């Protein structure tokens, strides 16, 4: 397999996070970045598959189940924790474990938003007025 060298400029907090993660695993920074990129690319492929699976499952639901799905929310404690982690990230950066927690919460939040939007779209296609869902966020 052919390899290519790429120069990437990172902010200090991101670099320090990658460096910290690499040190914990006894990897080089380059190895840690290579691994992180592989994970991101796999995750984006998995997300595309999840979107399609979600769409197929929602399409099979009756209207009542779609309304429930369209009103699904992340628990307030999870939303508050995600907000606190995002603010800390902007102020001072996050530890590796905080990054993992933030990423997991962000993924859960994105899935909830995905299900809500797909369910609302299907309800609209079925002739329902979904404008009230916007005020329920």
N, C-alpha and C. Protein backbone atom coordinates (compact mmCIF):
# COMPACT_ATOMS: atom_id res chain seq x y z
N UNK A 1 0.85 -1.17 0.00
CA UNK A 1 0.00 0.00 0.00
C UNK A 1 0.89 1.23 0.00
N UNK A 2 0.55 2.19 -0.83
CA UNK A 2 1.28 3.44 -0.90
C UNK A 2 0.87 4.35 0.24
N UNK A 3 1.83 4.99 0.86
CA UNK A 3 1.54 5.95 1.93
C UNK A 3 1.90 7.34 1.46
N UNK A 4 1.18 8.33 1.99
CA UNK A 4 1.42 9.72 1.65
C UNK A 4 1.63 10.50 2.92
N UNK A 5 2.53 11.42 2.87
CA UNK A 5 2.81 12.28 4.02
C UNK A 5 2.00 13.57 3.88
N UNK A 6 1.37 14.00 4.98
CA UNK A 6 0.55 15.20 4.97
C UNK A 6 0.94 16.05 6.18
N UNK A 7 1.06 17.34 5.99
CA UNK A 7 1.33 18.25 7.09
C UNK A 7 0.02 18.87 7.54
N UNK A 8 -0.25 18.79 8.83
CA UNK A 8 -1.49 19.31 9.39
C UNK A 8 -1.14 20.26 10.53
N UNK A 9 -1.78 21.44 10.55
CA UNK A 9 -1.59 22.38 11.64
C UNK A 9 -2.73 22.20 12.62
N UNK A 10 -2.38 21.98 13.89
CA UNK A 10 -3.38 21.75 14.94
C UNK A 10 -3.29 22.85 15.99
N UNK A 11 -4.42 23.18 16.58
CA UNK A 11 -4.39 24.12 17.70
C UNK A 11 -3.69 23.43 18.86
N UNK A 12 -3.18 24.23 19.78
CA UNK A 12 -2.45 23.66 20.92
C UNK A 12 -3.29 22.70 21.75
N UNK A 13 -4.57 23.04 22.06
CA UNK A 13 -5.36 22.08 22.85
C UNK A 13 -5.55 20.73 22.15
N UNK A 14 -5.78 20.77 20.84
CA UNK A 14 -5.96 19.51 20.09
C UNK A 14 -4.64 18.74 20.05
N UNK A 15 -3.56 19.45 19.78
CA UNK A 15 -2.25 18.79 19.75
C UNK A 15 -1.95 18.14 21.10
N UNK A 16 -2.19 18.88 22.18
CA UNK A 16 -1.91 18.34 23.51
C UNK A 16 -2.76 17.12 23.81
N UNK A 17 -4.02 17.16 23.36
CA UNK A 17 -4.89 16.00 23.57
C UNK A 17 -4.35 14.78 22.81
N UNK A 18 -3.98 14.97 21.56
CA UNK A 18 -3.44 13.87 20.75
C UNK A 18 -2.14 13.36 21.37
N UNK A 19 -1.30 14.29 21.80
CA UNK A 19 -0.02 13.91 22.42
C UNK A 19 -0.26 13.11 23.70
N UNK A 20 -1.23 13.56 24.52
CA UNK A 20 -1.56 12.86 25.77
C UNK A 20 -2.09 11.46 25.48
N UNK A 21 -2.98 11.36 24.51
CA UNK A 21 -3.52 10.04 24.15
C UNK A 21 -2.43 9.12 23.63
N UNK A 22 -1.54 9.68 22.81
CA UNK A 22 -0.44 8.88 22.26
C UNK A 22 0.47 8.37 23.39
N UNK A 23 0.78 9.25 24.33
CA UNK A 23 1.66 8.85 25.43
C UNK A 23 1.03 7.73 26.26
N UNK A 24 -0.27 7.83 26.51
CA UNK A 24 -0.95 6.78 27.29
C UNK A 24 -0.88 5.43 26.60
N UNK A 25 -0.90 5.44 25.28
CA UNK A 25 -0.87 4.18 24.52
C UNK A 25 0.55 3.80 24.10
N UNK A 26 1.50 4.66 24.46
CA UNK A 26 2.89 4.48 24.03
C UNK A 26 3.00 4.46 22.51
N UNK A 27 2.28 5.39 21.90
CA UNK A 27 2.31 5.58 20.45
C UNK A 27 3.02 6.90 20.15
N UNK A 28 3.36 7.07 18.90
CA UNK A 28 3.82 8.38 18.44
C UNK A 28 2.60 9.24 18.15
N UNK A 29 2.80 10.54 18.09
CA UNK A 29 1.70 11.44 17.73
C UNK A 29 1.17 11.08 16.34
N UNK A 30 2.07 10.76 15.44
CA UNK A 30 1.66 10.39 14.08
C UNK A 30 0.77 9.15 14.08
N UNK A 31 1.16 8.13 14.87
CA UNK A 31 0.35 6.91 14.96
C UNK A 31 -1.03 7.21 15.53
N UNK A 32 -1.07 8.08 16.55
CA UNK A 32 -2.35 8.42 17.18
C UNK A 32 -3.25 9.17 16.19
N UNK A 33 -2.69 10.09 15.42
CA UNK A 33 -3.47 10.81 14.41
C UNK A 33 -3.98 9.86 13.32
N UNK A 34 -3.12 8.93 12.90
CA UNK A 34 -3.52 7.95 11.88
C UNK A 34 -4.70 7.11 12.40
N UNK A 35 -4.61 6.68 13.66
CA UNK A 35 -5.67 5.88 14.26
C UNK A 35 -6.96 6.70 14.39
N UNK A 36 -6.82 7.95 14.83
CA UNK A 36 -7.99 8.82 14.98
C UNK A 36 -8.69 9.03 13.64
N UNK A 37 -7.92 9.24 12.59
CA UNK A 37 -8.52 9.43 11.26
C UNK A 37 -9.26 8.18 10.81
N UNK A 38 -8.69 7.01 11.07
CA UNK A 38 -9.35 5.77 10.69
C UNK A 38 -10.68 5.62 11.43
N UNK A 39 -10.70 5.98 12.71
CA UNK A 39 -11.92 5.88 13.50
C UNK A 39 -12.98 6.84 12.96
N UNK A 40 -12.57 8.07 12.66
CA UNK A 40 -13.51 9.07 12.14
C UNK A 40 -14.11 8.60 10.83
N UNK A 41 -13.30 8.07 9.95
CA UNK A 41 -13.81 7.60 8.66
C UNK A 41 -14.74 6.41 8.83
N UNK A 42 -14.41 5.50 9.75
CA UNK A 42 -15.30 4.36 10.02
C UNK A 42 -16.61 4.85 10.62
N UNK A 43 -16.52 5.83 11.53
CA UNK A 43 -17.72 6.37 12.16
C UNK A 43 -18.63 7.03 11.14
N UNK A 44 -18.06 7.75 10.18
CA UNK A 44 -18.90 8.42 9.19
C UNK A 44 -19.61 7.40 8.31
N UNK A 45 -18.95 6.30 8.00
CA UNK A 45 -19.58 5.22 7.23
C UNK A 45 -20.69 4.58 8.05
N UNK A 46 -20.40 4.32 9.35
CA UNK A 46 -21.39 3.74 10.23
C UNK A 46 -22.60 4.65 10.38
N UNK A 47 -22.35 5.96 10.48
CA UNK A 47 -23.45 6.92 10.61
C UNK A 47 -24.35 6.88 9.38
N UNK A 48 -23.76 6.81 8.21
CA UNK A 48 -24.58 6.74 6.99
C UNK A 48 -25.45 5.48 7.01
N UNK A 49 -24.89 4.38 7.47
CA UNK A 49 -25.66 3.14 7.59
C UNK A 49 -26.78 3.29 8.62
N UNK A 50 -26.46 3.95 9.76
CA UNK A 50 -27.47 4.16 10.80
C UNK A 50 -28.61 5.04 10.30
N UNK A 51 -28.28 6.06 9.52
CA UNK A 51 -29.30 6.94 8.97
C UNK A 51 -30.26 6.14 8.10
N UNK A 52 -29.71 5.30 7.26
CA UNK A 52 -30.56 4.49 6.38
C UNK A 52 -31.39 3.49 7.19
N UNK A 53 -30.78 2.82 8.16
CA UNK A 53 -31.52 1.88 9.01
C UNK A 53 -32.65 2.58 9.75
N UNK A 54 -32.35 3.76 10.29
CA UNK A 54 -33.35 4.53 11.02
C UNK A 54 -34.52 4.91 10.11
N UNK A 55 -34.19 5.35 8.91
CA UNK A 55 -35.23 5.75 7.96
C UNK A 55 -36.14 4.57 7.63
N UNK A 56 -35.56 3.41 7.40
CA UNK A 56 -36.34 2.22 7.06
C UNK A 56 -37.25 1.83 8.23
N UNK A 57 -36.73 1.84 9.46
CA UNK A 57 -37.53 1.48 10.63
C UNK A 57 -38.66 2.48 10.86
N UNK A 58 -38.36 3.75 10.71
CA UNK A 58 -39.39 4.77 10.93
C UNK A 58 -40.49 4.68 9.88
N UNK A 59 -40.13 4.37 8.65
CA UNK A 59 -41.11 4.27 7.57
C UNK A 59 -42.17 3.21 7.89
N UNK A 60 -41.77 2.17 8.61
CA UNK A 60 -42.69 1.08 8.94
C UNK A 60 -43.61 1.42 10.12
N UNK A 61 -43.34 2.52 10.82
CA UNK A 61 -44.12 2.86 12.02
C UNK A 61 -45.46 3.49 11.66
N UNK A 62 -46.44 3.29 12.56
CA UNK A 62 -47.72 3.97 12.38
C UNK A 62 -47.56 5.42 12.88
N UNK A 63 -48.57 6.23 12.64
CA UNK A 63 -48.47 7.65 12.97
C UNK A 63 -48.26 7.91 14.46
N UNK A 64 -48.92 7.14 15.30
CA UNK A 64 -48.78 7.33 16.74
C UNK A 64 -47.33 7.11 17.18
N UNK A 65 -46.71 6.07 16.67
CA UNK A 65 -45.31 5.79 17.01
C UNK A 65 -44.39 6.87 16.45
N UNK A 66 -44.72 7.37 15.26
CA UNK A 66 -43.91 8.45 14.68
C UNK A 66 -44.00 9.72 15.53
N UNK A 67 -45.20 10.03 16.04
CA UNK A 67 -45.33 11.21 16.90
C UNK A 67 -44.47 11.06 18.14
N UNK A 68 -44.44 9.85 18.72
CA UNK A 68 -43.59 9.63 19.90
C UNK A 68 -42.12 9.81 19.53
N UNK A 69 -41.73 9.28 18.39
CA UNK A 69 -40.34 9.40 17.95
C UNK A 69 -39.98 10.86 17.68
N UNK A 70 -40.92 11.61 17.12
CA UNK A 70 -40.67 13.01 16.80
C UNK A 70 -40.54 13.87 18.06
N UNK A 71 -41.03 13.36 19.18
CA UNK A 71 -40.95 14.11 20.44
C UNK A 71 -39.86 13.60 21.38
N UNK A 72 -39.08 12.63 20.92
CA UNK A 72 -38.01 12.07 21.72
C UNK A 72 -36.97 13.16 22.04
N UNK A 73 -36.49 13.15 23.27
CA UNK A 73 -35.44 14.10 23.66
C UNK A 73 -34.36 13.38 24.45
N UNK A 74 -33.21 13.99 24.49
CA UNK A 74 -32.14 13.52 25.34
C UNK A 74 -32.45 13.98 26.76
N UNK A 75 -32.20 13.17 27.77
CA UNK A 75 -32.48 13.61 29.14
C UNK A 75 -31.76 14.94 29.45
N UNK A 76 -32.43 15.78 30.25
CA UNK A 76 -31.87 17.09 30.57
C UNK A 76 -30.50 16.99 31.22
N UNK A 77 -30.29 15.97 32.04
CA UNK A 77 -28.97 15.83 32.68
C UNK A 77 -27.88 15.61 31.63
N UNK A 78 -28.19 14.84 30.59
CA UNK A 78 -27.23 14.60 29.52
C UNK A 78 -26.98 15.87 28.71
N UNK A 79 -28.05 16.61 28.42
CA UNK A 79 -27.90 17.87 27.69
C UNK A 79 -27.05 18.87 28.48
N UNK A 80 -27.30 18.98 29.78
CA UNK A 80 -26.54 19.91 30.62
C UNK A 80 -25.07 19.50 30.69
N UNK A 81 -24.82 18.19 30.80
CA UNK A 81 -23.43 17.72 30.86
C UNK A 81 -22.72 18.01 29.54
N UNK A 82 -23.39 17.79 28.43
CA UNK A 82 -22.80 18.07 27.13
C UNK A 82 -22.49 19.56 27.00
N UNK A 83 -23.40 20.40 27.44
CA UNK A 83 -23.17 21.85 27.40
C UNK A 83 -21.97 22.24 28.25
N UNK A 84 -21.88 21.68 29.46
CA UNK A 84 -20.74 22.00 30.34
C UNK A 84 -19.42 21.56 29.72
N UNK A 85 -19.42 20.37 29.12
CA UNK A 85 -18.19 19.90 28.48
C UNK A 85 -17.82 20.76 27.28
N UNK A 86 -18.80 21.19 26.50
CA UNK A 86 -18.52 22.06 25.35
C UNK A 86 -17.94 23.39 25.81
N UNK A 87 -18.50 23.95 26.88
CA UNK A 87 -17.98 25.21 27.40
C UNK A 87 -16.56 25.04 27.95
N UNK A 88 -16.33 23.95 28.66
CA UNK A 88 -14.99 23.70 29.19
C UNK A 88 -13.99 23.51 28.05
N UNK A 89 -14.43 22.84 27.00
CA UNK A 89 -13.56 22.63 25.84
C UNK A 89 -13.12 23.97 25.27
N UNK A 90 -14.04 24.91 25.16
CA UNK A 90 -13.71 26.23 24.62
C UNK A 90 -12.81 27.02 25.55
N UNK A 91 -13.03 26.91 26.86
CA UNK A 91 -12.28 27.69 27.84
C UNK A 91 -10.86 27.17 28.06
N UNK A 92 -10.75 25.86 28.31
CA UNK A 92 -9.46 25.34 28.76
C UNK A 92 -9.07 24.01 28.15
N UNK A 93 -9.95 23.42 27.38
CA UNK A 93 -9.66 22.10 26.82
C UNK A 93 -10.19 20.99 27.72
N UNK A 94 -10.18 19.79 27.19
CA UNK A 94 -10.71 18.63 27.90
C UNK A 94 -9.64 17.57 28.06
N UNK A 95 -9.80 16.77 29.09
CA UNK A 95 -8.93 15.60 29.24
C UNK A 95 -9.40 14.54 28.24
N UNK A 96 -8.62 13.51 28.09
CA UNK A 96 -8.99 12.44 27.15
C UNK A 96 -10.32 11.80 27.55
N UNK A 97 -10.52 11.56 28.83
CA UNK A 97 -11.78 10.94 29.25
C UNK A 97 -12.96 11.89 29.04
N UNK A 98 -12.73 13.19 29.24
CA UNK A 98 -13.80 14.16 28.99
C UNK A 98 -14.13 14.23 27.51
N UNK A 99 -13.11 14.13 26.64
CA UNK A 99 -13.37 14.10 25.19
C UNK A 99 -14.23 12.90 24.84
N UNK A 100 -13.90 11.75 25.40
CA UNK A 100 -14.67 10.54 25.11
C UNK A 100 -16.11 10.70 25.57
N UNK A 101 -16.30 11.25 26.77
CA UNK A 101 -17.65 11.47 27.28
C UNK A 101 -18.41 12.46 26.41
N UNK A 102 -17.74 13.56 26.01
CA UNK A 102 -18.37 14.57 25.18
C UNK A 102 -18.76 13.97 23.82
N UNK A 103 -17.87 13.19 23.26
CA UNK A 103 -18.17 12.56 21.97
C UNK A 103 -19.35 11.60 22.06
N UNK A 104 -19.40 10.81 23.12
CA UNK A 104 -20.51 9.87 23.30
C UNK A 104 -21.83 10.62 23.47
N UNK A 105 -21.82 11.68 24.28
CA UNK A 105 -23.05 12.47 24.46
C UNK A 105 -23.45 13.16 23.16
N UNK A 106 -22.47 13.67 22.43
CA UNK A 106 -22.77 14.34 21.16
C UNK A 106 -23.37 13.36 20.16
N UNK A 107 -22.86 12.14 20.13
CA UNK A 107 -23.41 11.12 19.23
C UNK A 107 -24.85 10.78 19.61
N UNK A 108 -25.10 10.64 20.91
CA UNK A 108 -26.48 10.36 21.36
C UNK A 108 -27.41 11.51 20.96
N UNK A 109 -26.95 12.74 21.16
CA UNK A 109 -27.75 13.91 20.80
C UNK A 109 -28.03 13.92 19.30
N UNK A 110 -27.02 13.66 18.49
CA UNK A 110 -27.19 13.65 17.03
C UNK A 110 -28.19 12.58 16.60
N UNK A 111 -28.15 11.42 17.25
CA UNK A 111 -29.10 10.35 16.91
C UNK A 111 -30.53 10.77 17.25
N UNK A 112 -30.71 11.42 18.40
CA UNK A 112 -32.04 11.90 18.78
C UNK A 112 -32.55 12.90 17.74
N UNK A 113 -31.69 13.82 17.35
CA UNK A 113 -32.08 14.83 16.35
C UNK A 113 -32.41 14.16 15.02
N UNK A 114 -31.61 13.17 14.65
CA UNK A 114 -31.86 12.44 13.41
C UNK A 114 -33.22 11.77 13.43
N UNK A 115 -33.53 11.05 14.50
CA UNK A 115 -34.81 10.35 14.61
C UNK A 115 -35.96 11.36 14.60
N UNK A 116 -35.81 12.43 15.37
CA UNK A 116 -36.87 13.45 15.42
C UNK A 116 -37.14 14.03 14.04
N UNK A 117 -36.08 14.40 13.34
CA UNK A 117 -36.27 15.04 12.03
C UNK A 117 -36.84 14.06 11.00
N UNK A 118 -36.38 12.82 11.03
CA UNK A 118 -36.92 11.84 10.09
C UNK A 118 -38.38 11.55 10.39
N UNK A 119 -38.72 11.42 11.66
CA UNK A 119 -40.11 11.15 12.04
C UNK A 119 -41.00 12.33 11.64
N UNK A 120 -40.55 13.55 11.90
CA UNK A 120 -41.33 14.73 11.52
C UNK A 120 -41.52 14.80 10.01
N UNK A 121 -40.50 14.48 9.28
CA UNK A 121 -40.59 14.49 7.81
C UNK A 121 -41.63 13.47 7.32
N UNK A 122 -41.60 12.28 7.90
CA UNK A 122 -42.57 11.25 7.51
C UNK A 122 -44.00 11.68 7.88
N UNK A 123 -44.15 12.26 9.06
CA UNK A 123 -45.48 12.73 9.46
C UNK A 123 -45.99 13.80 8.49
N UNK A 124 -45.12 14.69 8.11
CA UNK A 124 -45.50 15.75 7.16
C UNK A 124 -45.90 15.13 5.82
N UNK A 125 -45.12 14.15 5.37
CA UNK A 125 -45.45 13.47 4.12
C UNK A 125 -46.81 12.77 4.20
N UNK A 126 -47.17 12.35 5.40
CA UNK A 126 -48.47 11.68 5.60
C UNK A 126 -49.60 12.67 5.84
N UNK A 127 -49.31 13.95 5.68
CA UNK A 127 -50.37 14.96 5.75
C UNK A 127 -50.59 15.61 7.11
N UNK A 128 -49.72 15.37 8.06
CA UNK A 128 -49.88 15.95 9.39
C UNK A 128 -49.21 17.32 9.48
N UNK A 129 -49.76 18.18 10.33
CA UNK A 129 -49.14 19.48 10.61
C UNK A 129 -48.12 19.26 11.73
N UNK A 130 -46.84 19.41 11.41
CA UNK A 130 -45.78 19.17 12.39
C UNK A 130 -45.17 20.47 12.93
N UNK A 131 -45.78 21.59 12.61
CA UNK A 131 -45.21 22.87 13.03
C UNK A 131 -45.11 23.00 14.55
N UNK A 132 -45.98 22.34 15.30
CA UNK A 132 -45.93 22.39 16.74
C UNK A 132 -44.71 21.70 17.32
N UNK A 133 -44.06 20.83 16.56
CA UNK A 133 -42.88 20.14 17.06
C UNK A 133 -41.73 21.11 17.32
N UNK A 134 -41.69 22.18 16.58
CA UNK A 134 -40.60 23.15 16.75
C UNK A 134 -40.63 23.79 18.13
N UNK A 135 -41.78 23.97 18.68
CA UNK A 135 -41.89 24.60 20.00
C UNK A 135 -41.64 23.60 21.13
N UNK A 136 -41.49 22.32 20.79
CA UNK A 136 -41.29 21.28 21.81
C UNK A 136 -39.82 20.95 22.03
N UNK A 137 -38.93 21.67 21.44
CA UNK A 137 -37.50 21.33 21.57
C UNK A 137 -36.94 21.73 22.84
